[in-house]
Amino acid sequence: MKQTRYITTTIQVGNRLEIDLPNLPIGQTIEVILIIPDAPESNPRSIDRRAFLKLSIEERRRILAQQAEAALPYYEENKTEWEEWINLDIAETYAP
C-alpha cells in the first residue's frame, strides 16, 4: 500500500523546491504530484515583458535591483555549484 503525505512548500529562488522527508531512505524513488493553484490576477512579482519595457528606466532599475537582491541567497547558498559551472574549462570537457 502506498504511503501518502501532503506537504506544502514554496518555490525557492531559481525555481527550486525543497521537500524534507526525513523518514525515507536515501535513494528511494518517490512520486511527486504538484497541484499549482491559479495565480492571483494581480501578482506583483510577475510582469510581462512589454509592460516592463514601457516602465520608466528608474522603475525598471528598481525592479531589477529587487530581483537581484532576492536571488542573492540562492547564489550564496549554492556558491560551489555555480562557481564550478562558471570555471568550467570547455576545452578539457570536449577534448578527445
PDB file of N, CA and C in Angstrom:
ATOM      1  N   MET A   1       0.841  -1.183   0.000  1.00  0.00           N
ATOM      2  CA  MET A   1       0.000   0.000   0.000  1.00  0.00           C
ATOM      3  C   MET A   1       0.888   1.249   0.000  1.00  0.00           C
ATOM      4  N   LYS A   2       0.577   2.189  -0.871  1.00  0.00           N
ATOM      5  CA  LYS A   2       1.361   3.407  -0.969  1.00  0.00           C
ATOM      6  C   LYS A   2       1.081   4.322   0.215  1.00  0.00           C
ATOM      7  N   GLN A   3       2.153   4.944   0.713  1.00  0.00           N
ATOM      8  CA  GLN A   3       2.004   5.968   1.740  1.00  0.00           C
ATOM      9  C   GLN A   3       1.724   7.289   1.040  1.00  0.00           C
ATOM     10  N   THR A   4       0.959   8.129   1.666  1.00  0.00           N
ATOM     11  CA  THR A   4       0.667   9.439   1.111  1.00  0.00           C
ATOM     12  C   THR A   4       1.013  10.494   2.140  1.00  0.00           C
ATOM     13  N   ARG A   5       1.672  11.540   1.691  1.00  0.00           N
ATOM     14  CA  ARG A   5       1.986  12.672   2.564  1.00  0.00           C
ATOM     15  C   ARG A   5       1.570  13.930   1.841  1.00  0.00           C
ATOM     16  N   TYR A   6       0.956  14.818   2.564  1.00  0.00           N
ATOM     17  CA  TYR A   6       0.577  16.116   1.997  1.00  0.00           C
ATOM     18  C   TYR A   6       1.526  17.148   2.567  1.00  0.00           C
ATOM     19  N   ILE A   7       2.291  17.789   1.700  1.00  0.00           N
ATOM     20  CA  ILE A   7       3.293  18.771   2.116  1.00  0.00           C
ATOM     21  C   ILE A   7       3.064  20.044   1.326  1.00  0.00           C
ATOM     22  N   THR A   8       3.115  21.158   2.011  1.00  0.00           N
ATOM     23  CA  THR A   8       3.038  22.449   1.340  1.00  0.00           C
ATOM     24  C   THR A   8       4.410  23.086   1.410  1.00  0.00           C
ATOM     25  N   THR A   9       4.874  23.620   0.283  1.00  0.00           N
ATOM     26  CA  THR A   9       6.174  24.285   0.225  1.00  0.00           C
ATOM     27  C   THR A   9       6.067  25.477  -0.695  1.00  0.00           C
ATOM     28  N   THR A  10       7.100  26.273  -0.752  1.00  0.00           N
ATOM     29  CA  THR A  10       7.099  27.431  -1.640  1.00  0.00           C
ATOM     30  C   THR A  10       8.229  27.289  -2.650  1.00  0.00           C
ATOM     31  N   ILE A  11       8.076  27.942  -3.766  1.00  0.00           N
ATOM     32  CA  ILE A  11       9.105  27.937  -4.788  1.00  0.00           C
ATOM     33  C   ILE A  11      10.264  28.795  -4.282  1.00  0.00           C
ATOM     34  N   GLN A  12      11.452  28.238  -4.346  1.00  0.00           N
ATOM     35  CA  GLN A  12      12.652  28.933  -3.895  1.00  0.00           C
ATOM     36  C   GLN A  12      13.254  29.724  -5.051  1.00  0.00           C
ATOM     37  N   VAL A  13      14.225  30.546  -4.742  1.00  0.00           N
ATOM     38  CA  VAL A  13      14.958  31.275  -5.769  1.00  0.00           C
ATOM     39  C   VAL A  13      15.535  30.259  -6.758  1.00  0.00           C
ATOM     40  N   GLY A  14      15.463  30.573  -8.012  1.00  0.00           N
ATOM     41  CA  GLY A  14      15.946  29.646  -9.039  1.00  0.00           C
ATOM     42  C   GLY A  14      14.901  28.620  -9.420  1.00  0.00           C
ATOM     43  N   ASN A  15      13.638  28.870  -9.042  1.00  0.00           N
ATOM     44  CA  ASN A  15      12.522  27.965  -9.340  1.00  0.00           C
ATOM     45  C   ASN A  15      12.743  26.572  -8.780  1.00  0.00           C
ATOM     46  N   ARG A  16      13.281  26.485  -7.588  1.00  0.00           N
ATOM     47  CA  ARG A  16      13.553  25.201  -6.957  1.00  0.00           C
ATOM     48  C   ARG A  16      12.561  24.924  -5.837  1.00  0.00           C
ATOM     49  N   LEU A  17      12.345  23.648  -5.590  1.00  0.00           N
ATOM     50  CA  LEU A  17      11.520  23.196  -4.472  1.00  0.00           C
ATOM     51  C   LEU A  17      12.408  22.482  -3.467  1.00  0.00           C
ATOM     52  N   GLU A  18      12.072  22.605  -2.207  1.00  0.00           N
ATOM     53  CA  GLU A  18      12.768  21.823  -1.196  1.00  0.00           C
ATOM     54  C   GLU A  18      11.714  21.022  -0.444  1.00  0.00           C
ATOM     55  N   ILE A  19      11.906  19.714  -0.433  1.00  0.00           N
ATOM     56  CA  ILE A  19      10.993  18.814   0.264  1.00  0.00           C
ATOM     57  C   ILE A  19      11.819  18.004   1.243  1.00  0.00           C
ATOM     58  N   ASP A  20      11.470  18.063   2.502  1.00  0.00           N
ATOM     59  CA  ASP A  20      12.210  17.351   3.538  1.00  0.00           C
ATOM     60  C   ASP A  20      11.395  16.127   3.964  1.00  0.00           C
ATOM     61  N   LEU A  21      11.922  14.928   3.710  1.00  0.00           N
ATOM     62  CA  LEU A  21      11.270  13.672   4.086  1.00  0.00           C
ATOM     63  C   LEU A  21      12.261  12.839   4.902  1.00  0.00           C
ATOM     64  N   PRO A  22      12.443  13.167   6.177  1.00  0.00           N
ATOM     65  CA  PRO A  22      13.498  12.533   6.971  1.00  0.00           C
ATOM     66  C   PRO A  22      13.316  11.038   7.215  1.00  0.00           C
ATOM     67  N   ASN A  23      12.122  10.503   7.107  1.00  0.00           N
ATOM     68  CA  ASN A  23      11.895   9.085   7.417  1.00  0.00           C
ATOM     69  C   ASN A  23      12.083   8.158   6.224  1.00  0.00           C
ATOM     70  N   LEU A  24      12.458   8.714   5.075  1.00  0.00           N
ATOM     71  CA  LEU A  24      12.644   7.878   3.893  1.00  0.00           C
ATOM     72  C   LEU A  24      14.129   7.635   3.661  1.00  0.00           C
ATOM     73  N   PRO A  25      14.481   6.435   3.204  1.00  0.00           N
ATOM     74  CA  PRO A  25      15.894   6.141   2.958  1.00  0.00           C
ATOM     75  C   PRO A  25      16.418   6.879   1.726  1.00  0.00           C
ATOM     76  N   ILE A  26      17.686   7.247   1.783  1.00  0.00           N
ATOM     77  CA  ILE A  26      18.333   7.906   0.654  1.00  0.00           C
ATOM     78  C   ILE A  26      18.323   6.955  -0.535  1.00  0.00           C
ATOM     79  N   GLY A  27      17.982   7.486  -1.697  1.00  0.00           N
ATOM     80  CA  GLY A  27      17.955   6.690  -2.911  1.00  0.00           C
ATOM     81  C   GLY A  27      16.594   6.092  -3.236  1.00  0.00           C
ATOM     82  N   GLN A  28      15.634   6.186  -2.313  1.00  0.00           N
ATOM     83  CA  GLN A  28      14.307   5.632  -2.586  1.00  0.00           C
ATOM     84  C   GLN A  28      13.612   6.479  -3.638  1.00  0.00           C
ATOM     85  N   THR A  29      12.973   5.823  -4.588  1.00  0.00           N
ATOM     86  CA  THR A  29      12.218   6.518  -5.616  1.00  0.00           C
ATOM     87  C   THR A  29      10.850   6.868  -5.058  1.00  0.00           C
ATOM     88  N   ILE A  30      10.420   8.108  -5.308  1.00  0.00           N
ATOM     89  CA  ILE A  30       9.101   8.538  -4.865  1.00  0.00           C
ATOM     90  C   ILE A  30       8.374   9.178  -6.043  1.00  0.00           C
ATOM     91  N   GLU A  31       7.073   9.301  -5.935  1.00  0.00           N
ATOM     92  CA  GLU A  31       6.271  10.000  -6.932  1.00  0.00           C
ATOM     93  C   GLU A  31       5.881  11.345  -6.336  1.00  0.00           C
ATOM     94  N   VAL A  32       5.986  12.382  -7.133  1.00  0.00           N
ATOM     95  CA  VAL A  32       5.627  13.723  -6.679  1.00  0.00           C
ATOM     96  C   VAL A  32       4.552  14.256  -7.604  1.00  0.00           C
ATOM     97  N   ILE A  33       3.464  14.733  -7.033  1.00  0.00           N
ATOM     98  CA  ILE A  33       2.388  15.351  -7.803  1.00  0.00           C
ATOM     99  C   ILE A  33       2.294  16.796  -7.338  1.00  0.00           C
ATOM    100  N   LEU A  34       2.372  17.725  -8.275  1.00  0.00           N
ATOM    101  CA  LEU A  34       2.276  19.134  -7.940  1.00  0.00           C
ATOM    102  C   LEU A  34       0.887  19.640  -8.287  1.00  0.00           C
ATOM    103  N   ILE A  35       0.267  20.317  -7.368  1.00  0.00           N
ATOM    104  CA  ILE A  35      -1.012  20.974  -7.606  1.00  0.00           C
ATOM    105  C   ILE A  35      -0.734  22.468  -7.499  1.00  0.00           C
ATOM    106  N   ILE A  36      -0.803  23.152  -8.617  1.00  0.00           N
ATOM    107  CA  ILE A  36      -0.458  24.566  -8.659  1.00  0.00           C
ATOM    108  C   ILE A  36      -1.749  25.375  -8.720  1.00  0.00           C
ATOM    109  N   PRO A  37      -2.008  26.155  -7.671  1.00  0.00           N
ATOM    110  CA  PRO A  37      -3.238  26.949  -7.682  1.00  0.00           C
ATOM    111  C   PRO A  37      -3.177  28.031  -8.749  1.00  0.00           C
ATOM    112  N   ASP A  38      -4.346  28.481  -9.189  1.00  0.00           N
ATOM    113  CA  ASP A  38      -4.387  29.579 -10.150  1.00  0.00           C
ATOM    114  C   ASP A  38      -3.699  30.790  -9.543  1.00  0.00           C
ATOM    115  N   ALA A  39      -2.932  31.480 -10.362  1.00  0.00           N
ATOM    116  CA  ALA A  39      -2.223  32.675  -9.890  1.00  0.00           C
ATOM    117  C   ALA A  39      -3.231  33.800  -9.670  1.00  0.00           C
ATOM    118  N   PRO A  40      -3.031  34.576  -8.622  1.00  0.00           N
ATOM    119  CA  PRO A  40      -3.914  35.722  -8.442  1.00  0.00           C
ATOM    120  C   PRO A  40      -3.754  36.683  -9.612  1.00  0.00           C
ATOM    121  N   GLU A  41      -4.819  37.381  -9.943  1.00  0.00           N
ATOM    122  CA  GLU A  41      -4.795  38.253 -11.110  1.00  0.00           C
ATOM    123  C   GLU A  41      -3.817  39.406 -10.970  1.00  0.00           C
ATOM    124  N   SER A  42      -3.589  39.855  -9.756  1.00  0.00           N
ATOM    125  CA  SER A  42      -2.664  40.979  -9.571  1.00  0.00           C
ATOM    126  C   SER A  42      -1.438  40.504  -8.810  1.00  0.00           C
ATOM    127  N   ASN A  43      -0.618  39.708  -9.470  1.00  0.00           N
ATOM    128  CA  ASN A  43       0.607  39.199  -8.861  1.00  0.00           C
ATOM    129  C   ASN A  43       1.691  40.261  -9.011  1.00  0.00           C
ATOM    130  N   PRO A  44       2.098  40.915  -7.913  1.00  0.00           N
ATOM    131  CA  PRO A  44       3.088  41.986  -8.028  1.00  0.00           C
ATOM    132  C   PRO A  44       4.468  41.479  -8.425  1.00  0.00           C
ATOM    133  N   ARG A  45       4.743  40.174  -8.320  1.00  0.00           N
ATOM    134  CA  ARG A  45       6.050  39.633  -8.656  1.00  0.00           C
ATOM    135  C   ARG A  45       6.130  39.212 -10.116  1.00  0.00           C
ATOM    136  N   SER A  46       5.031  39.352 -10.847  1.00  0.00           N
ATOM    137  CA  SER A  46       5.019  38.920 -12.234  1.00  0.00           C
ATOM    138  C   SER A  46       4.637  40.107 -13.122  1.00  0.00           C
ATOM    139  N   ILE A  47       5.391  40.300 -14.179  1.00  0.00           N
ATOM    140  CA  ILE A  47       5.097  41.386 -15.111  1.00  0.00           C
ATOM    141  C   ILE A  47       5.477  40.896 -16.509  1.00  0.00           C
ATOM    142  N   ASP A  48       4.668  41.242 -17.487  1.00  0.00           N
ATOM    143  CA  ASP A  48       5.029  40.776 -18.826  1.00  0.00           C
ATOM    144  C   ASP A  48       6.097  41.696 -19.425  1.00  0.00           C
ATOM    145  N   ARG A  49       6.822  41.179 -20.373  1.00  0.00           N
ATOM    146  CA  ARG A  49       7.988  41.886 -20.920  1.00  0.00           C
ATOM    147  C   ARG A  49       7.641  43.224 -21.548  1.00  0.00           C
ATOM    148  N   ARG A  50       6.559  43.256 -22.288  1.00  0.00           N
ATOM    149  CA  ARG A  50       6.189  44.517 -22.944  1.00  0.00           C
ATOM    150  C   ARG A  50       5.818  45.575 -21.913  1.00  0.00           C
ATOM    151  N   ALA A  51       5.074  45.165 -20.877  1.00  0.00           N
ATOM    152  CA  ALA A  51       4.714  46.114 -19.819  1.00  0.00           C
ATOM    153  C   ALA A  51       5.977  46.601 -19.108  1.00  0.00           C
ATOM    154  N   PHE A  52       6.936  45.695 -18.896  1.00  0.00           N
ATOM    155  CA  PHE A  52       8.193  46.062 -18.245  1.00  0.00           C
ATOM    156  C   PHE A  52       8.935  47.117 -19.062  1.00  0.00           C
ATOM    157  N   LEU A  53       9.002  46.918 -20.374  1.00  0.00           N
ATOM    158  CA  LEU A  53       9.720  47.859 -21.233  1.00  0.00           C
ATOM    159  C   LEU A  53       9.045  49.228 -21.310  1.00  0.00           C
ATOM    160  N   LYS A  54       7.762  49.285 -21.011  1.00  0.00           N
ATOM    161  CA  LYS A  54       7.048  50.569 -21.030  1.00  0.00           C
ATOM    162  C   LYS A  54       7.278  51.375 -19.746  1.00  0.00           C
ATOM    163  N   LEU A  55       7.834  50.730 -18.719  1.00  0.00           N
ATOM    164  CA  LEU A  55       8.110  51.440 -17.475  1.00  0.00           C
ATOM    165  C   LEU A  55       9.278  52.400 -17.651  1.00  0.00           C
ATOM    166  N   SER A  56       9.359  53.375 -16.765  1.00  0.00           N
ATOM    167  CA  SER A  56      10.493  54.307 -16.812  1.00  0.00           C
ATOM    168  C   SER A  56      11.768  53.539 -16.464  1.00  0.00           C
ATOM    169  N   ILE A  57      12.898  54.080 -16.892  1.00  0.00           N
ATOM    170  CA  ILE A  57      14.176  53.430 -16.624  1.00  0.00           C
ATOM    171  C   ILE A  57      14.406  53.302 -15.109  1.00  0.00           C
ATOM    172  N   GLU A  58      13.982  54.302 -14.348  1.00  0.00           N
ATOM    173  CA  GLU A  58      14.150  54.246 -12.894  1.00  0.00           C
ATOM    174  C   GLU A  58      13.351  53.089 -12.291  1.00  0.00           C
ATOM    175  N   GLU A  59      12.125  52.906 -12.773  1.00  0.00           N
ATOM    176  CA  GLU A  59      11.277  51.815 -12.262  1.00  0.00           C
ATOM    177  C   GLU A  59      11.851  50.456 -12.661  1.00  0.00           C
ATOM    178  N   ARG A  60      12.353  50.337 -13.884  1.00  0.00           N
ATOM    179  CA  ARG A  60      12.966  49.076 -14.318  1.00  0.00           C
ATOM    180  C   ARG A  60      14.195  48.754 -13.472  1.00  0.00           C
ATOM    181  N   ARG A  61      15.007  49.764 -13.198  1.00  0.00           N
ATOM    182  CA  ARG A  61      16.190  49.548 -12.354  1.00  0.00           C
ATOM    183  C   ARG A  61      15.798  49.120 -10.951  1.00  0.00           C
ATOM    184  N   ARG A  62      14.729  49.732 -10.414  1.00  0.00           N
ATOM    185  CA  ARG A  62      14.267  49.361  -9.079  1.00  0.00           C
ATOM    186  C   ARG A  62      13.826  47.895  -9.040  1.00  0.00           C
ATOM    187  N   ILE A  63      13.055  47.484 -10.052  1.00  0.00           N
ATOM    188  CA  ILE A  63      12.571  46.099 -10.115  1.00  0.00           C
ATOM    189  C   ILE A  63      13.745  45.125 -10.270  1.00  0.00           C
ATOM    190  N   LEU A  64      14.697  45.445 -11.150  1.00  0.00           N
ATOM    191  CA  LEU A  64      15.845  44.563 -11.354  1.00  0.00           C
ATOM    192  C   LEU A  64      16.708  44.472 -10.098  1.00  0.00           C
ATOM    193  N   ALA A  65      16.869  45.583  -9.388  1.00  0.00           N
ATOM    194  CA  ALA A  65      17.633  45.559  -8.135  1.00  0.00           C
ATOM    195  C   ALA A  65      16.928  44.688  -7.103  1.00  0.00           C
ATOM    196  N   GLN A  66      15.611  44.763  -7.058  1.00  0.00           N
ATOM    197  CA  GLN A  66      14.808  43.944  -6.138  1.00  0.00           C
ATOM    198  C   GLN A  66      14.982  42.457  -6.476  1.00  0.00           C
ATOM    199  N   GLN A  67      14.955  42.119  -7.745  1.00  0.00           N
ATOM    200  CA  GLN A  67      15.114  40.730  -8.159  1.00  0.00           C
ATOM    201  C   GLN A  67      16.526  40.230  -7.870  1.00  0.00           C
ATOM    202  N   ALA A  68      17.525  41.070  -8.077  1.00  0.00           N
ATOM    203  CA  ALA A  68      18.907  40.683  -7.777  1.00  0.00           C
ATOM    204  C   ALA A  68      19.067  40.419  -6.286  1.00  0.00           C
ATOM    205  N   GLU A  69      18.446  41.248  -5.467  1.00  0.00           N
ATOM    206  CA  GLU A  69      18.512  41.071  -4.007  1.00  0.00           C
ATOM    207  C   GLU A  69      17.836  39.754  -3.605  1.00  0.00           C
ATOM    208  N   ALA A  70      16.719  39.424  -4.265  1.00  0.00           N
ATOM    209  CA  ALA A  70      16.011  38.178  -3.954  1.00  0.00           C
ATOM    210  C   ALA A  70      16.820  36.959  -4.387  1.00  0.00           C
ATOM    211  N   ALA A  71      17.622  37.082  -5.441  1.00  0.00           N
ATOM    212  CA  ALA A  71      18.415  35.957  -5.947  1.00  0.00           C
ATOM    213  C   ALA A  71      19.697  35.740  -5.146  1.00  0.00           C
ATOM    214  N   LEU A  72      20.145  36.743  -4.421  1.00  0.00           N
ATOM    215  CA  LEU A  72      21.407  36.667  -3.695  1.00  0.00           C
ATOM    216  C   LEU A  72      21.513  35.452  -2.770  1.00  0.00           C
ATOM    217  N   PRO A  73      20.508  35.143  -1.952  1.00  0.00           N
ATOM    218  CA  PRO A  73      20.635  33.960  -1.069  1.00  0.00           C
ATOM    219  C   PRO A  73      20.872  32.666  -1.836  1.00  0.00           C
ATOM    220  N   TYR A  74      20.266  32.510  -3.001  1.00  0.00           N
ATOM    221  CA  TYR A  74      20.461  31.296  -3.798  1.00  0.00           C
ATOM    222  C   TYR A  74      21.932  31.155  -4.188  1.00  0.00           C
ATOM    223  N   TYR A  75      22.526  32.223  -4.686  1.00  0.00           N
ATOM    224  CA  TYR A  75      23.915  32.160  -5.123  1.00  0.00           C
ATOM    225  C   TYR A  75      24.882  32.033  -3.945  1.00  0.00           C
ATOM    226  N   GLU A  76      24.516  32.586  -2.794  1.00  0.00           N
ATOM    227  CA  GLU A  76      25.363  32.420  -1.617  1.00  0.00           C
ATOM    228  C   GLU A  76      25.313  30.981  -1.110  1.00  0.00           C
ATOM    229  N   GLU A  77      24.130  30.371  -1.115  1.00  0.00           N
ATOM    230  CA  GLU A  77      23.959  29.001  -0.625  1.00  0.00           C
ATOM    231  C   GLU A  77      24.566  27.977  -1.587  1.00  0.00           C
ATOM    232  N   ASN A  78      24.534  28.256  -2.878  1.00  0.00           N
ATOM    233  CA  ASN A  78      24.998  27.314  -3.890  1.00  0.00           C
ATOM    234  C   ASN A  78      26.294  27.795  -4.539  1.00  0.00           C
ATOM    235  N   LYS A  79      27.132  28.454  -3.754  1.00  0.00           N
ATOM    236  CA  LYS A  79      28.339  29.078  -4.289  1.00  0.00           C
ATOM    237  C   LYS A  79      29.230  28.083  -5.025  1.00  0.00           C
ATOM    238  N   THR A  80      29.492  26.929  -4.448  1.00  0.00           N
ATOM    239  CA  THR A  80      30.367  25.949  -5.080  1.00  0.00           C
ATOM    240  C   THR A  80      29.801  25.500  -6.420  1.00  0.00           C
ATOM    241  N   GLU A  81      28.495  25.243  -6.452  1.00  0.00           N
ATOM    242  CA  GLU A  81      27.850  24.757  -7.677  1.00  0.00           C
ATOM    243  C   GLU A  81      28.000  25.746  -8.825  1.00  0.00           C
ATOM    244  N   TRP A  82      27.677  27.009  -8.601  1.00  0.00           N
ATOM    245  CA  TRP A  82      27.750  27.954  -9.718  1.00  0.00           C
ATOM    246  C   TRP A  82      29.181  28.357 -10.029  1.00  0.00           C
ATOM    247  N   GLU A  83      30.073  28.348  -9.028  1.00  0.00           N
ATOM    248  CA  GLU A  83      31.476  28.660  -9.321  1.00  0.00           C
ATOM    249  C   GLU A  83      32.093  27.569 -10.199  1.00  0.00           C
ATOM    250  N   GLU A  84      31.754  26.303  -9.934  1.00  0.00           N
ATOM    251  CA  GLU A  84      32.255  25.211 -10.769  1.00  0.00           C
ATOM    252  C   GLU A  84      31.753  25.368 -12.197  1.00  0.00           C
ATOM    253  N   TRP A  85      30.497  25.778 -12.335  1.00  0.00           N
ATOM    254  CA  TRP A  85      29.924  25.953 -13.664  1.00  0.00           C
ATOM    255  C   TRP A  85      30.619  27.103 -14.394  1.00  0.00           C
ATOM    256  N   ILE A  86      30.837  28.221 -13.704  1.00  0.00           N
ATOM    257  CA  ILE A  86      31.488  29.377 -14.317  1.00  0.00           C
ATOM    258  C   ILE A  86      32.927  29.053 -14.701  1.00  0.00           C
ATOM    259  N   ASN A  87      33.624  28.296 -13.855  1.00  0.00           N
ATOM    260  CA  ASN A  87      35.030  27.986 -14.085  1.00  0.00           C
ATOM    261  C   ASN A  87      35.246  26.762 -14.971  1.00  0.00           C
ATOM    262  N   LEU A  88      34.187  26.247 -15.536  1.00  0.00           N
ATOM    263  CA  LEU A  88      34.270  25.077 -16.404  1.00  0.00           C
ATOM    264  C   LEU A  88      35.200  25.352 -17.580  1.00  0.00           C
ATOM    265  N   ASP A  89      36.161  24.472 -17.758  1.00  0.00           N
ATOM    266  CA  ASP A  89      37.085  24.618 -18.872  1.00  0.00           C
ATOM    267  C   ASP A  89      36.535  23.800 -20.034  1.00  0.00           C
ATOM    268  N   ILE A  90      35.929  24.478 -20.977  1.00  0.00           N
ATOM    269  CA  ILE A  90      35.266  23.801 -22.103  1.00  0.00           C
ATOM    270  C   ILE A  90      36.261  23.010 -22.934  1.00  0.00           C
ATOM    271  N   ALA A  91      37.462  23.497 -23.070  1.00  0.00           N
ATOM    272  CA  ALA A  91      38.473  22.790 -23.867  1.00  0.00           C
ATOM    273  C   ALA A  91      38.736  21.413 -23.288  1.00  0.00           C
ATOM    274  N   GLU A  92      38.808  21.300 -21.959  1.00  0.00           N
ATOM    275  CA  GLU A  92      39.049  19.994 -21.323  1.00  0.00           C
ATOM    276  C   GLU A  92      37.832  19.102 -21.458  1.00  0.00           C
ATOM    277  N   THR A  93      36.660  19.674 -21.372  1.00  0.00           N
ATOM    278  CA  THR A  93      35.427  18.896 -21.444  1.00  0.00           C
ATOM    279  C   THR A  93      35.256  18.232 -22.805  1.00  0.00           C
ATOM    280  N   TYR A  94      35.603  18.954 -23.869  1.00  0.00           N
ATOM    281  CA  TYR A  94      35.393  18.440 -25.214  1.00  0.00           C
ATOM    282  C   TYR A  94      36.671  17.887 -25.856  1.00  0.00           C
ATOM    283  N   ALA A  95      37.730  17.757 -25.105  1.00  0.00           N
ATOM    284  CA  ALA A  95      38.978  17.213 -25.658  1.00  0.00           C
ATOM    285  C   ALA A  95      38.803  15.734 -25.976  1.00  0.00           C
ATOM    286  N   PRO A  96      39.366  15.258 -27.094  1.00  0.00           N
ATOM    287  CA  PRO A  96      39.213  13.838 -27.464  1.00  0.00           C
ATOM    288  C   PRO A  96      39.988  12.913 -26.548  1.00  0.00           C
TER     289      PRO A  96
END
